[in-house]
Protein backbone atom coordinates (compact mmCIF):
# COMPACT_ATOMS: atom_id res chain seq x y z
CA MET A 1 0.00 0.00 0.00
CA SER A 2 1.36 3.45 -0.92
CA ILE A 3 2.09 6.08 1.72
CA THR A 4 -0.73 8.24 0.35
CA LYS A 5 -3.27 5.43 0.72
CA LYS A 6 -2.05 4.69 4.25
CA ILE A 7 -2.48 8.34 5.19
CA LEU A 8 -5.97 8.50 3.68
CA LYS A 9 -6.98 5.35 5.55
CA SER A 10 -5.88 6.71 8.93
CA LYS A 11 -8.74 7.57 11.28
CA PRO A 12 -7.69 11.19 12.07
CA VAL A 13 -7.33 11.99 8.37
CA GLN A 14 -10.70 10.45 7.51
CA VAL A 15 -12.38 12.42 10.31
CA LEU A 16 -10.79 15.62 8.97
CA ILE A 17 -11.91 14.85 5.41
CA CYS A 18 -15.46 14.15 6.61
CA ARG A 19 -15.64 17.43 8.50
CA ILE A 20 -14.34 19.33 5.49
CA ALA A 21 -16.88 17.59 3.21
CA TRP A 22 -19.72 18.32 5.65
CA ALA A 23 -18.73 21.99 5.85
CA TYR A 24 -18.30 22.20 2.07
CA ILE A 25 -21.80 20.85 1.42
CA TRP A 26 -23.36 23.42 3.74
CA PHE A 27 -21.14 26.16 2.28
CA ILE A 28 -22.46 25.35 -1.21
CA TYR A 29 -26.02 25.18 0.07
CA PHE A 30 -25.97 28.54 1.87
CA THR A 31 -24.02 30.48 -0.78
CA SER A 32 -26.24 29.39 -3.65
CA ARG A 33 -29.79 30.24 -4.67
CA TRP A 34 -31.90 27.09 -4.66
CA GLU A 35 -35.26 26.27 -6.18
CA LYS A 36 -37.09 23.21 -4.84
CA HIS A 37 -39.66 21.56 -7.07
CA GLY A 38 -42.17 18.77 -6.57
CA PHE A 39 -42.17 18.47 -2.78
CA GLU A 40 -45.93 18.98 -2.55
CA GLN A 41 -46.35 15.75 -4.51
CA VAL A 42 -44.33 13.89 -1.88
CA LYS A 43 -45.58 15.74 1.20
CA ALA A 44 -48.81 13.76 1.60
CA LEU A 45 -46.89 10.50 1.31
CA VAL A 46 -44.43 11.64 3.97
CA GLU A 47 -47.18 12.85 6.32
CA SER A 48 -48.99 9.52 6.01
CA GLY A 49 -46.13 7.96 7.95
CA LYS A 50 -45.58 5.31 5.30
CA PRO A 51 -42.01 4.33 4.37
CA ILE A 52 -40.55 5.66 1.12
CA ILE A 53 -37.63 4.59 -1.03
CA PHE A 54 -35.77 7.61 -2.44
CA VAL A 55 -33.49 6.98 -5.42
CA PHE A 56 -30.88 9.23 -7.05
CA TRP A 57 -27.89 8.63 -9.29
CA HIS A 58 -24.47 8.19 -7.70
CA GLY A 59 -23.10 11.25 -9.50
CA ARG A 60 -25.74 13.48 -7.85
CA LEU A 61 -25.08 12.35 -4.29
CA LEU A 62 -23.26 15.35 -2.84
CA MET A 63 -26.11 17.84 -2.36
CA ILE A 64 -28.80 15.34 -1.39
CA PRO A 65 -28.32 15.68 2.43
CA PRO A 66 -29.54 19.29 2.87
CA PHE A 67 -32.80 18.41 1.10
CA ALA A 68 -33.47 15.11 2.89
CA ILE A 69 -36.82 14.64 4.62
CA LYS A 70 -36.57 15.89 8.19
CA ASN A 71 -37.90 14.24 11.36
CA HIS A 72 -37.85 10.75 9.85
CA LYS A 73 -35.18 8.11 10.24
CA MET A 74 -33.26 7.92 6.97
CA ASN A 75 -31.23 4.86 6.02
CA VAL A 76 -28.70 5.33 3.23
CA VAL A 77 -27.45 2.29 1.32
CA ILE A 78 -23.69 2.63 0.80
CA SER A 79 -21.37 0.10 -0.78
CA ASN A 80 -18.50 -1.63 0.98
CA HIS A 81 -16.19 -0.42 -1.78
CA ASN A 82 -13.06 1.51 -0.79
CA ASP A 83 -14.70 4.92 -1.18
CA GLY A 84 -17.88 3.71 0.52
CA GLN A 85 -16.56 4.13 4.05
CA LEU A 86 -15.68 7.77 3.45
CA ILE A 87 -19.11 8.49 1.93
CA ALA A 88 -20.79 6.65 4.81
CA SER A 89 -18.89 8.72 7.36
CA VAL A 90 -19.95 11.97 5.69
CA MET A 91 -23.58 10.82 5.60
CA GLU A 92 -23.43 9.99 9.31
CA TYR A 93 -22.42 13.61 9.99
CA PHE A 94 -25.86 14.55 8.65
CA GLY A 95 -27.58 12.17 11.04
CA PHE A 96 -28.31 9.41 8.53
CA PHE A 97 -28.07 5.71 9.31
CA MET A 98 -25.99 3.43 7.11
CA ILE A 99 -26.85 0.16 5.42
CA ARG A 100 -23.64 -1.29 4.02
CA GLY A 101 -23.65 -3.71 1.11
CA SER A 102 -21.92 -4.68 -2.11
CA SER A 103 -22.35 -6.69 -5.27
CA ASN A 104 -21.08 -9.91 -3.71
CA LYS A 105 -23.77 -12.36 -2.65
CA LYS A 106 -23.13 -12.34 1.11
CA ASP A 107 -22.97 -8.56 1.60
CA GLY A 108 -25.74 -8.01 -0.92
CA MET A 109 -28.11 -10.31 0.95
CA LYS A 110 -27.23 -8.63 4.26
CA ALA A 111 -28.06 -5.19 2.81
CA PHE A 112 -31.27 -6.58 1.28
CA LYS A 113 -32.44 -7.85 4.68
CA GLU A 114 -31.56 -4.56 6.40
CA ILE A 115 -33.52 -2.57 3.81
CA ILE A 116 -36.56 -4.82 4.34
CA ARG A 117 -36.23 -4.41 8.11
CA ALA A 118 -36.06 -0.60 7.81
CA LEU A 119 -39.14 -0.44 5.58
CA LYS A 120 -41.12 -2.72 7.89
CA ASN A 121 -40.29 -0.25 10.68
CA ASN A 122 -41.73 2.60 8.53
CA GLU A 123 -38.29 4.12 8.02
CA MET A 124 -37.07 5.94 4.91
CA VAL A 125 -34.44 4.38 2.65
CA SER A 126 -32.21 6.11 0.09
CA ILE A 127 -30.49 4.16 -2.68
CA THR A 128 -28.17 4.99 -5.58
CA PRO A 129 -29.30 2.29 -8.03
CA ASP A 130 -26.30 2.72 -10.36
CA GLY A 131 -23.74 2.33 -7.55
CA PRO A 132 -21.16 1.36 -6.59
CA ARG A 133 -19.52 1.11 -10.02
CA GLY A 134 -22.12 1.69 -12.66
CA PRO A 135 -22.86 1.68 -15.46
CA ARG A 136 -23.67 5.36 -14.97
CA MET A 137 -27.33 6.30 -14.73
CA ARG A 138 -28.47 2.75 -15.42
CA LEU A 139 -30.73 0.94 -12.98
CA GLY A 140 -29.16 -1.92 -11.08
CA GLY A 141 -29.88 -3.84 -7.91
CA ASN A 142 -33.23 -4.88 -6.47
CA VAL A 143 -34.89 -1.55 -5.70
CA VAL A 144 -37.99 -2.27 -7.83
CA LYS A 145 -38.34 -5.77 -6.39
CA ILE A 146 -37.98 -4.50 -2.82
CA ALA A 147 -40.62 -1.81 -3.41
CA GLN A 148 -43.01 -4.44 -4.82
CA MET A 149 -42.41 -6.84 -1.94
CA GLN A 150 -43.10 -4.21 0.71
CA GLY A 151 -45.77 -2.23 -1.14
CA VAL A 152 -43.65 0.92 -0.97
CA SER A 153 -43.58 3.88 -3.38
CA ILE A 154 -40.33 5.01 -4.97
CA VAL A 155 -39.55 8.73 -5.21
CA PRO A 156 -36.82 9.72 -7.72
CA VAL A 157 -34.87 12.84 -6.72
CA THR A 158 -32.10 14.82 -8.35
CA TYR A 159 -30.31 18.15 -8.31
CA SER A 160 -28.21 20.31 -10.59
CA ILE A 161 -26.29 23.54 -10.20
CA SER A 162 -25.15 26.23 -12.62
CA LYS A 163 -21.50 26.32 -11.54
CA CYS A 164 -19.91 22.92 -11.16
CA LYS A 165 -17.17 20.62 -12.32
CA ILE A 166 -18.23 17.29 -13.80
CA LEU A 167 -15.49 14.86 -12.83
CA LYS A 168 -14.21 12.26 -15.27
CA SER A 169 -15.14 9.46 -12.86
CA TRP A 170 -17.37 6.57 -13.97
CA ASP A 171 -20.43 8.35 -12.51
CA ARG A 172 -19.53 11.82 -13.86
CA PHE A 173 -19.71 13.09 -10.29
CA MET A 174 -21.08 16.63 -10.01
CA LEU A 175 -18.88 18.84 -7.83
CA PRO A 176 -20.76 22.10 -7.16
CA LYS A 177 -19.12 25.49 -6.84
CA PRO A 178 -20.32 28.26 -4.50
CA PHE A 179 -22.38 31.31 -5.45
CA SER A 180 -24.39 29.34 -7.97
CA ARG A 181 -28.00 28.78 -8.95
CA GLY A 182 -29.24 25.34 -8.00
CA VAL A 183 -32.37 23.28 -8.45
CA PHE A 184 -33.58 20.27 -6.50
CA ILE A 185 -36.40 18.15 -7.91
CA TYR A 186 -38.63 15.56 -6.28
CA GLY A 187 -40.23 13.39 -8.93
CA ASP A 188 -43.76 12.01 -8.75
CA PRO A 189 -43.96 9.01 -6.41
CA ILE A 190 -43.92 5.78 -8.41
CA PRO A 191 -46.25 3.16 -6.91
CA PRO A 192 -44.92 -0.37 -6.42
CA ALA A 193 -45.17 -2.84 -9.30
CA THR A 194 -48.47 -4.71 -9.37
CA SER A 195 -46.86 -8.16 -9.07
CA ASN A 196 -43.51 -9.93 -8.85
CA ASN A 197 -43.83 -11.15 -12.44
CA GLU A 198 -40.41 -10.79 -14.08
CA ASP A 199 -41.73 -8.86 -17.09
CA ILE A 200 -43.71 -6.46 -14.91
CA LEU A 201 -40.68 -5.82 -12.66
CA LYS A 202 -38.54 -5.21 -15.75
CA GLU A 203 -41.04 -2.67 -17.08
CA ALA A 204 -41.13 -0.94 -13.68
CA GLY A 205 -37.34 -0.75 -13.71
CA ILE A 206 -37.28 0.80 -17.18
CA LEU A 207 -39.89 3.35 -16.05
CA LEU A 208 -37.84 4.28 -12.98
CA GLU A 209 -34.59 4.60 -14.93
CA ASN A 210 -36.22 6.75 -17.60
CA ARG A 211 -37.98 8.94 -15.03
CA LEU A 212 -34.77 9.57 -13.10
CA ASN A 213 -32.84 10.37 -16.28
CA GLN A 214 -35.58 12.73 -17.44
CA LEU A 215 -35.49 14.55 -14.10
CA SER A 216 -31.70 14.84 -14.21
CA ARG A 217 -31.78 16.23 -17.74
CA GLN A 218 -34.55 18.65 -16.75
CA ALA A 219 -32.52 19.87 -13.76
CA ASP A 220 -29.41 20.40 -15.90
CA GLU A 221 -31.37 22.33 -18.51
CA MET A 222 -33.04 24.48 -15.85
CA VAL A 223 -29.66 25.75 -14.60
CA GLY A 224 -28.18 26.03 -18.09
CA ILE A 225 -25.52 23.32 -18.13
CA THR A 226 -24.94 20.57 -20.67
CA PRO A 227 -26.92 17.53 -19.49
CA VAL A 228 -24.92 14.58 -18.23
CA GLU A 229 -25.78 11.55 -20.37
CA PRO A 230 -26.22 7.96 -19.21
CA ALA A 231 -23.48 5.46 -20.01
């Protein structure tokens, strides 16, 4: 392991990075002008006390925390990949609870069971369905199946901002800059699939992927940047 990796893996350094990231997110939030769209469509669902699955693309993760639903326990599904621990630590600074999982069978099943447990307890769950390694903006995982099993609606969310750097990472991660104009969009809640039939679940997955990509494109166009395209 290189010296740089050893330093980055040390606990004091990770704590420092998390604090900087937490402060940076709030700095962007408070120095930018934000428009929030679509919350009224979600408000009734939230006030009903029913659990909700929120989904957003991995590349749009950074500015999700300030807009998260308040006064409800929020579980965020984060991978066990190398960068997952750092992301999880930052999310915990915002008061979220972590569900750790990965693409391997053992960890994936553990995360699956924890998501089911959270939903049965009427808790919120947030998932990046193209994580942890893509393909970018393409639906993966079992989010549609989980929603059908538990009778839970899925709410797609996204954001965009006028001044940002789109990184050349697999997810085209959006790194916002301060003093910008931002938009955050809650999509219409998508009811659970009507059955666990494979074709019906596949159609529901295509609908969710398309809806989330449409919202992301809409957000980019609203702030005047070139839309990020799916892989």
